[in-house]
Amino acid sequence: MASDTERDALSASDVVDTAEVAFDELCGALAARDLKGLWSRPPLQPEPRPMTRAHLWRWDTVAPLAKQAGQVLDLQGGDGQRRALQFCNPGLKAGTTEALFGAYQYLEAGETAPAHRHSPAAIRFMMTGSSVYTTVDGDACWMEPGDLVLTPNWAWHDHTNKSDQPAVWLDVIDVVLVATLESVFFEDHPVGMQELIGHGVSEQMFVGPGLQDASALASTKPYSPLLRYPYVQADAALEALHDLNGGQSVTLEYKNPVTGGPAIPTITCQMTRIYPGGPTPPRRQTGGRIHTVFRGRGRSVIGGMEFEWGPGDVFVVPSWVPVEHEVTETADVFIGSDQAVLEALHLYREEELSERQEVTGVFTPNTGANAPGTGPSDGEPPLRVGALAERRLEGTKR
């Protein structure tokens, strides 16, 4: 006969086994009904742990491939409507950041890319080329190096290169965000290219800072009615900001001149000018950020990893990962991010850190040096980030 102690031990074992069986039965019953208990998921973390990785793509690697795409893909022959080389973040299933795709788009001399429209919004930041324009709902917006052009949600847009040289510009599009919300729509233009209303129509409505055509109707659209932001104006504004505030860097944001809000509701567009003399204070912000170097050379420390960069290079800073910059020559860096979305949802945070980061490694980009067909064609000069980066502006063009 079992003793009292043995009977107590058996009873306790029976209770534990019964509880485990009951828990397993509950989880099985939930799963059979497409349910899951919150307790089975990892707990919320005290701060973001992004899947987006800090990463960099070099101009010297991407530009030859863009030129190769120009030789291989015929836009008029059914090979696709755009030669856009997307920057694919290795930490993500899709996207350059968690919300945005960045890409370099290539357009051959004398070429056009047909019109279409889509629910994702996009921006164009010109890197190299001249006498190129993007037509947005009939308004032909000239694109010179350093210019920003908007192609808002559901606006018709096509591209035209009137020069004898190829052109490359940066695309930033919120397609990852829109696809996550299952709201992507797309439509080809019925006749291929738009009829032009004129060149620079939106710019003619805004003749100077804070000045607008008094006879123009108030814009009710959710995006900026000003579609082109010339680099000559950004350049002057950055210098004025630095004269006023000093410091290692200054940043301006491209705004809707009517509302004061972001130029595009889902994409915050900024330009940062960094000056030699020391590192910028380390900062971190929510939301992934795509940095494109328009001119200058330097390095950034992102989450302890050092990234060296020069003109045309593109790098990503993930959400809530600290970053600091230091340059050997004055640099202009264009930044596209989802900050506008986070601000609208009251999720945006930023802070400046009191101590510089310890460098724990140096990033080595994947150049694919041994892959076939990655070099420039024989006898053809390499694409260079616009002459604007070397000679500055001789005056406003178009």
Protein backbone atom coordinates (compact mmCIF):
# COMPACT_ATOMS: atom_id res chain seq x y z
CA MET A 1 0.00 0.00 0.00
CA ALA A 2 1.28 3.46 -0.87
CA SER A 3 2.23 5.78 1.94
CA ASP A 4 0.62 9.18 2.54
CA THR A 5 3.74 10.90 1.14
CA GLU A 6 3.62 8.86 -2.05
CA ARG A 7 -0.11 9.57 -2.49
CA ASP A 8 0.52 13.34 -2.07
CA ALA A 9 3.30 13.24 -4.69
CA LEU A 10 1.06 11.41 -7.17
CA SER A 11 -1.75 13.91 -6.60
CA ALA A 12 0.56 16.86 -7.25
CA SER A 13 1.82 15.20 -10.44
CA ASP A 14 -1.74 14.62 -11.59
CA VAL A 15 -2.56 18.33 -11.11
CA VAL A 16 0.47 19.49 -13.14
CA ASP A 17 -0.25 17.06 -15.93
CA THR A 18 -3.90 18.10 -16.00
CA ALA A 19 -2.94 21.79 -16.20
CA GLU A 20 -0.48 21.14 -19.04
CA VAL A 21 -3.05 19.11 -20.94
CA ALA A 22 -5.67 21.80 -20.43
CA PHE A 23 -3.26 24.49 -21.71
CA ASP A 24 -2.33 22.41 -24.75
CA GLU A 25 -6.00 21.72 -25.43
CA LEU A 26 -6.78 25.45 -25.22
CA CYS A 27 -3.97 26.36 -27.65
CA GLY A 28 -5.08 23.61 -30.02
CA ALA A 29 -8.70 24.75 -29.85
CA LEU A 30 -7.61 28.35 -30.62
CA ALA A 31 -5.43 27.30 -33.54
CA ALA A 32 -8.24 25.21 -35.01
CA ARG A 33 -10.36 28.37 -35.10
CA ASP A 34 -7.65 30.68 -36.50
CA LEU A 35 -7.01 32.23 -33.10
CA LYS A 36 -3.91 32.66 -30.98
CA GLY A 37 -3.41 33.70 -27.39
CA LEU A 38 -1.50 36.94 -26.80
CA TRP A 39 0.47 35.12 -24.10
CA SER A 40 2.13 32.98 -26.79
CA ARG A 41 3.76 35.97 -28.46
CA PRO A 42 7.03 37.60 -27.32
CA PRO A 43 6.48 40.54 -24.97
CA LEU A 44 6.67 44.09 -26.30
CA GLN A 45 10.19 45.50 -26.24
CA PRO A 46 11.09 48.75 -24.43
CA GLU A 47 12.30 50.31 -27.72
CA PRO A 48 12.33 49.49 -31.45
CA ARG A 49 14.37 46.54 -32.74
CA PRO A 50 14.34 47.18 -36.49
CA MET A 51 14.67 44.48 -39.11
CA THR A 52 16.03 47.15 -41.48
CA ARG A 53 19.82 47.01 -41.62
CA ALA A 54 22.27 49.85 -41.92
CA HIS A 55 23.56 49.36 -45.46
CA LEU A 56 25.31 51.22 -48.29
CA TRP A 57 25.33 51.02 -52.09
CA ARG A 58 28.21 52.66 -53.96
CA TRP A 59 27.66 54.85 -57.02
CA ASP A 60 30.68 53.24 -58.69
CA THR A 61 28.89 49.89 -58.41
CA VAL A 62 25.36 50.96 -59.34
CA ALA A 63 26.07 53.45 -62.15
CA PRO A 64 27.68 50.91 -64.53
CA LEU A 65 24.73 48.57 -63.99
CA ALA A 66 22.33 51.43 -64.72
CA LYS A 67 24.20 52.08 -67.99
CA GLN A 68 24.07 48.37 -68.77
CA ALA A 69 20.31 48.40 -68.20
CA GLY A 70 20.11 51.22 -70.74
CA GLN A 71 21.79 48.99 -73.31
CA VAL A 72 19.79 45.85 -72.52
CA LEU A 73 16.25 47.08 -71.81
CA ASP A 74 14.17 48.79 -74.49
CA LEU A 75 11.47 50.95 -72.90
CA GLN A 76 9.60 51.23 -76.17
CA GLY A 77 9.93 47.55 -77.02
CA GLY A 78 8.04 46.01 -74.14
CA ASP A 79 10.95 45.51 -71.70
CA GLY A 80 9.20 47.50 -68.98
CA GLN A 81 8.35 51.15 -68.52
CA ARG A 82 11.20 52.12 -66.19
CA ARG A 83 14.86 51.23 -65.72
CA ALA A 84 14.86 51.54 -61.95
CA LEU A 85 17.52 49.69 -59.96
CA GLN A 86 16.01 49.18 -56.51
CA PHE A 87 18.09 49.28 -53.34
CA CYS A 88 17.10 46.04 -51.58
CA ASN A 89 17.82 46.05 -47.86
CA PRO A 90 19.24 42.65 -46.82
CA GLY A 91 17.28 42.72 -43.56
CA LEU A 92 13.89 43.00 -45.25
CA LYS A 93 11.74 40.84 -47.51
CA ALA A 94 11.00 43.96 -49.57
CA GLY A 95 12.04 47.58 -49.36
CA THR A 96 15.02 49.82 -48.74
CA THR A 97 13.46 50.69 -45.39
CA GLU A 98 10.40 49.29 -43.64
CA ALA A 99 8.12 51.68 -45.58
CA LEU A 100 10.01 52.94 -48.65
CA PHE A 101 11.81 51.72 -51.72
CA GLY A 102 14.69 53.75 -53.09
CA ALA A 103 16.06 53.26 -56.60
CA TYR A 104 18.28 54.84 -59.23
CA GLN A 105 16.39 55.34 -62.49
CA TYR A 106 18.21 55.59 -65.82
CA LEU A 107 16.98 57.33 -68.99
CA GLU A 108 18.98 57.27 -72.21
CA ALA A 109 19.75 60.33 -74.32
CA GLY A 110 16.76 61.40 -76.41
CA GLU A 111 14.51 58.84 -74.73
CA THR A 112 11.08 58.94 -73.12
CA ALA A 113 9.49 56.75 -70.46
CA PRO A 114 5.70 56.42 -70.95
CA ALA A 115 3.07 57.86 -68.66
CA HIS A 116 1.29 55.98 -65.92
CA ARG A 117 -0.11 56.64 -62.47
CA HIS A 118 -0.33 54.68 -59.24
CA SER A 119 -1.57 55.00 -55.69
CA PRO A 120 1.95 54.95 -54.20
CA ALA A 121 3.50 58.44 -54.16
CA ALA A 122 7.06 59.07 -55.29
CA ILE A 123 9.72 61.76 -55.48
CA ARG A 124 12.60 62.28 -57.92
CA PHE A 125 15.96 63.74 -56.88
CA MET A 126 18.18 64.43 -59.89
CA MET A 127 21.74 63.12 -59.73
CA THR A 128 23.24 63.57 -63.20
CA GLY A 129 22.00 64.80 -66.57
CA SER A 130 20.50 67.92 -68.08
CA SER A 131 17.57 68.99 -70.28
CA VAL A 132 15.41 66.32 -68.66
CA TYR A 133 11.87 66.80 -67.43
CA THR A 134 9.19 64.81 -65.63
CA THR A 135 5.66 65.70 -66.69
CA VAL A 136 3.18 65.61 -63.79
CA ASP A 137 -0.49 65.95 -64.76
CA GLY A 138 0.56 67.92 -67.85
CA ASP A 139 3.11 70.15 -66.08
CA ALA A 140 6.62 69.52 -67.47
CA CYS A 141 9.02 69.96 -64.54
CA TRP A 142 12.67 70.42 -65.50
CA MET A 143 15.16 68.30 -63.58
CA GLU A 144 18.71 69.58 -63.17
CA PRO A 145 21.17 67.99 -60.74
CA GLY A 146 20.08 68.57 -57.15
CA ASP A 147 16.46 69.36 -58.06
CA LEU A 148 13.55 67.65 -56.31
CA VAL A 149 10.40 66.84 -58.33
CA LEU A 150 7.21 65.38 -56.83
CA THR A 151 5.02 62.74 -58.45
CA PRO A 152 2.13 62.57 -55.98
CA ASN A 153 -0.35 59.77 -55.40
CA TRP A 154 -2.43 59.04 -58.52
CA ALA A 155 -0.82 61.80 -60.62
CA TRP A 156 0.01 61.00 -64.24
CA HIS A 157 3.75 61.15 -64.83
CA ASP A 158 6.19 60.43 -67.66
CA HIS A 159 9.86 61.26 -68.25
CA THR A 160 11.65 62.88 -71.20
CA ASN A 161 15.39 63.30 -71.88
CA LYS A 162 15.96 66.03 -74.48
CA SER A 163 19.75 65.91 -74.22
CA ASP A 164 22.46 63.83 -75.89
CA GLN A 165 23.59 62.40 -72.53
CA PRO A 166 21.99 59.81 -70.23
CA ALA A 167 20.34 60.85 -66.98
CA VAL A 168 20.14 59.22 -63.55
CA TRP A 169 17.93 60.27 -60.68
CA LEU A 170 16.89 58.90 -57.31
CA ASP A 171 13.38 57.55 -56.87
CA VAL A 172 11.87 57.24 -53.40
CA ILE A 173 8.43 55.64 -53.39
CA ASP A 174 6.13 54.64 -50.51
CA VAL A 175 5.09 51.41 -52.25
CA VAL A 176 6.12 49.17 -49.33
CA LEU A 177 3.79 51.07 -47.00
CA VAL A 178 0.95 51.14 -49.52
CA ALA A 179 1.38 47.44 -50.32
CA THR A 180 1.31 46.61 -46.60
CA LEU A 181 -2.03 48.41 -46.44
CA GLU A 182 -3.14 46.43 -49.53
CA SER A 183 -3.98 49.62 -51.41
CA VAL A 184 -1.82 49.53 -54.55
CA PHE A 185 -3.57 50.68 -57.74
CA PHE A 186 -1.91 51.23 -61.13
CA GLU A 187 -3.01 52.50 -64.54
CA ASP A 188 -1.24 53.05 -67.86
CA HIS A 189 -1.92 56.27 -69.73
CA PRO A 190 -4.36 55.63 -72.60
CA VAL A 191 -2.13 57.22 -75.26
CA GLY A 192 1.32 56.65 -73.76
CA MET A 193 2.50 60.24 -73.20
CA GLN A 194 0.67 63.21 -71.74
CA GLU A 195 -0.25 66.36 -73.54
CA LEU A 196 1.78 69.24 -72.10
CA ILE A 197 0.04 72.12 -70.40
CA GLY A 198 3.36 73.93 -70.15
CA HIS A 199 6.79 73.89 -68.52
CA GLY A 200 7.12 74.79 -64.85
CA VAL A 201 3.46 75.74 -64.41
CA SER A 202 3.44 75.05 -60.66
CA GLU A 203 6.58 77.15 -60.20
CA GLN A 204 4.94 80.12 -61.91
CA MET A 205 2.28 80.10 -59.18
CA PHE A 206 4.92 80.59 -56.48
CA VAL A 207 7.17 83.44 -57.55
CA GLY A 208 9.19 83.66 -54.32
CA PRO A 209 9.31 82.52 -50.69
CA GLY A 210 5.88 83.12 -49.18
CA LEU A 211 4.58 84.64 -52.42
CA GLN A 212 1.73 83.11 -54.43
CA ASP A 213 -0.41 84.19 -57.34
CA ALA A 214 -3.33 85.94 -55.63
CA SER A 215 -5.74 84.87 -58.35
CA ALA A 216 -4.91 81.17 -57.94
CA LEU A 217 -7.51 79.00 -56.27
CA ALA A 218 -6.54 77.55 -52.91
CA SER A 219 -5.21 74.03 -53.29
CA THR A 220 -7.37 71.31 -51.79
CA LYS A 221 -4.97 68.51 -52.68
CA PRO A 222 -3.19 66.63 -49.87
CA TYR A 223 0.23 67.26 -51.43
CA SER A 224 2.24 70.33 -52.34
CA PRO A 225 0.93 72.28 -55.35
CA LEU A 226 4.57 73.22 -56.01
CA LEU A 227 6.01 70.25 -57.92
CA ARG A 228 9.65 71.28 -58.43
CA TYR A 229 12.14 72.49 -55.83
CA PRO A 230 15.33 73.71 -57.60
CA TYR A 231 18.71 73.05 -56.03
CA VAL A 232 19.73 76.70 -56.49
CA GLN A 233 17.09 77.65 -53.90
CA ALA A 234 17.99 74.82 -51.54
CA ASP A 235 21.66 75.76 -51.79
CA ALA A 236 20.97 79.38 -50.85
CA ALA A 237 18.65 78.35 -48.00
CA LEU A 238 21.25 75.99 -46.53
CA GLU A 239 23.91 78.69 -46.57
CA ALA A 240 21.51 81.15 -44.95
CA LEU A 241 20.67 78.63 -42.23
CA HIS A 242 24.33 78.04 -41.50
CA ASP A 243 25.05 81.77 -41.39
CA LEU A 244 22.23 82.12 -38.87
CA ASN A 245 22.78 79.04 -36.70
CA GLY A 246 26.33 77.83 -37.31
CA GLY A 247 27.19 74.29 -36.24
CA GLN A 248 28.54 71.20 -37.96
CA SER A 249 25.40 70.70 -40.02
CA VAL A 250 22.13 72.31 -41.06
CA THR A 251 19.01 70.62 -42.40
CA LEU A 252 16.10 71.99 -44.41
CA GLU A 253 12.83 70.26 -45.21
CA TYR A 254 10.94 70.54 -48.48
CA LYS A 255 7.49 71.78 -47.45
CA ASN A 256 4.05 72.33 -48.89
CA PRO A 257 4.08 76.15 -49.30
CA VAL A 258 0.33 76.39 -48.70
CA THR A 259 -0.10 74.26 -45.57
CA GLY A 260 3.41 74.18 -44.14
CA GLY A 261 3.15 70.39 -43.99
CA PRO A 262 5.30 67.82 -45.80
CA ALA A 263 5.56 68.15 -49.57
CA ILE A 264 4.27 64.56 -49.88
CA PRO A 265 2.04 63.29 -47.00
CA THR A 266 3.91 59.97 -46.72
CA ILE A 267 7.50 60.98 -47.53
CA THR A 268 9.55 63.53 -45.63
CA CYS A 269 12.18 65.10 -47.92
CA GLN A 270 15.17 66.87 -46.39
CA MET A 271 18.62 68.11 -47.36
CA THR A 272 21.44 68.14 -44.82
CA ARG A 273 24.63 70.12 -45.38
CA ILE A 274 27.57 68.88 -43.30
CA TYR A 275 30.70 70.99 -42.77
CA PRO A 276 34.27 69.88 -42.02
CA GLY A 277 35.68 70.37 -38.55
CA GLY A 278 34.37 67.49 -36.48
CA PRO A 279 31.55 64.97 -36.11
CA THR A 280 27.91 65.89 -35.80
CA PRO A 281 26.25 65.00 -32.48
CA PRO A 282 24.95 61.41 -32.49
CA ARG A 283 21.18 61.30 -32.96
CA ARG A 284 18.53 58.66 -33.32
CA GLN A 285 15.03 58.89 -34.75
CA THR A 286 12.11 56.58 -35.33
CA GLY A 287 11.60 55.52 -38.93
CA GLY A 288 14.09 54.33 -41.54
CA ARG A 289 15.93 56.99 -43.55
CA ILE A 290 17.42 56.78 -47.05
CA HIS A 291 20.50 59.04 -47.43
CA THR A 292 21.76 59.96 -50.90
CA VAL A 293 25.07 61.83 -51.18
CA PHE A 294 24.74 64.58 -53.74
CA ARG A 295 28.20 66.06 -53.18
CA GLY A 296 31.08 65.78 -50.76
CA ARG A 297 32.85 62.95 -48.98
CA GLY A 298 32.80 61.70 -45.44
CA ARG A 299 31.84 58.91 -43.12
CA SER A 300 28.94 58.00 -40.88
CA VAL A 301 28.89 55.82 -37.79
CA ILE A 302 25.56 53.97 -37.67
CA GLY A 303 24.95 51.77 -34.66
CA GLY A 304 28.70 51.42 -34.14
CA MET A 305 29.45 50.51 -37.79
CA GLU A 306 31.52 52.93 -39.86
CA PHE A 307 30.40 53.73 -43.42
CA GLU A 308 32.60 55.71 -45.81
CA TRP A 309 30.78 57.52 -48.62
CA GLY A 310 31.17 59.86 -51.57
CA PRO A 311 29.06 61.43 -54.35
CA GLY A 312 26.20 59.22 -55.51
CA ASP A 313 26.46 56.69 -52.68
CA VAL A 314 23.21 55.69 -50.94
CA PHE A 315 23.00 54.48 -47.35
CA VAL A 316 20.26 53.57 -44.89
CA VAL A 317 19.88 54.47 -41.22
CA PRO A 318 17.35 52.16 -39.49
CA SER A 319 14.76 53.29 -36.97
CA TRP A 320 16.09 54.30 -33.54
CA VAL A 321 19.70 53.48 -34.47
CA PRO A 322 22.15 56.30 -33.60
CA VAL A 323 24.04 58.01 -36.40
CA GLU A 324 26.76 60.67 -36.56
CA HIS A 325 28.48 62.16 -39.61
CA GLU A 326 31.93 63.59 -40.25
CA VAL A 327 33.17 65.01 -43.56
CA THR A 328 36.46 65.83 -45.23
CA GLU A 329 34.75 68.39 -47.47
CA THR A 330 31.40 70.14 -47.34
CA ALA A 331 28.71 67.60 -48.21
CA ASP A 332 25.06 67.77 -49.24
CA VAL A 333 23.02 64.68 -48.39
CA PHE A 334 19.41 64.26 -49.52
CA ILE A 335 17.23 62.27 -47.09
CA GLY A 336 13.91 60.55 -47.76
CA SER A 337 12.04 59.01 -44.84
CA ASP A 338 8.63 58.04 -43.48
CA GLN A 339 8.85 60.68 -40.76
CA ALA A 340 5.71 62.39 -42.07
CA VAL A 341 3.67 59.22 -41.51
CA LEU A 342 5.05 58.74 -38.00
CA GLU A 343 4.32 62.36 -37.13
CA ALA A 344 0.74 62.03 -38.39
CA LEU A 345 0.31 58.95 -36.19
CA HIS A 346 2.06 60.61 -33.20
CA LEU A 347 4.77 57.92 -33.27
CA TYR A 348 7.76 60.06 -34.20
CA ARG A 349 10.57 60.44 -31.66
CA GLU A 350 14.09 61.77 -31.87
CA GLU A 351 16.85 62.42 -29.40
CA GLU A 352 20.44 63.57 -29.27
CA LEU A 353 22.87 61.34 -27.41
CA SER A 354 25.45 62.70 -24.97
CA GLU A 355 28.30 60.38 -25.99
CA ARG A 356 29.80 59.46 -29.33
CA GLN A 357 29.50 55.88 -30.50
CA GLU A 358 32.31 53.39 -30.24
CA VAL A 359 33.26 52.11 -33.69
CA THR A 360 32.97 48.33 -33.65
CA GLY A 361 33.46 47.60 -37.35
CA VAL A 362 33.81 49.03 -40.87
CA PHE A 363 31.15 48.28 -43.48
CA THR A 364 32.31 46.56 -46.67
CA PRO A 365 29.78 46.96 -49.51
CA ASN A 366 28.92 44.10 -51.83
CA THR A 367 30.42 45.26 -55.13
CA GLY A 368 29.97 41.99 -57.03
CA ALA A 369 33.44 42.56 -58.44
CA ASN A 370 33.69 39.06 -59.92
CA ALA A 371 30.25 39.12 -61.54
CA PRO A 372 30.16 39.38 -65.35
CA GLY A 373 29.11 42.57 -67.08
CA THR A 374 29.39 44.94 -64.12
CA GLY A 375 31.99 47.31 -65.54
CA PRO A 376 31.46 50.28 -67.86
CA SER A 377 31.44 49.58 -71.59
CA ASP A 378 34.70 49.97 -73.48
CA GLY A 379 35.27 53.46 -74.77
CA GLU A 380 32.41 54.99 -72.76
CA PRO A 381 33.10 57.38 -69.88
CA PRO A 382 31.63 56.46 -66.50
CA LEU A 383 28.52 58.25 -65.31
CA ARG A 384 29.39 61.02 -62.89
CA VAL A 385 27.23 62.70 -60.28
CA GLY A 386 26.27 65.97 -61.98
CA ALA A 387 28.63 68.70 -62.96
CA LEU A 388 26.73 70.75 -60.42
CA ALA A 389 28.64 68.95 -57.68
CA GLU A 390 31.89 70.34 -59.07
CA ARG A 391 31.15 73.74 -60.56
CA ARG A 392 28.15 74.67 -58.40
CA LEU A 393 25.40 76.66 -60.11
CA GLU A 394 26.08 79.24 -62.78
CA GLY A 395 22.50 80.39 -62.48
CA THR A 396 19.00 79.00 -62.45
CA LYS A 397 18.27 76.75 -65.43
CA ARG A 398 14.79 76.59 -66.87
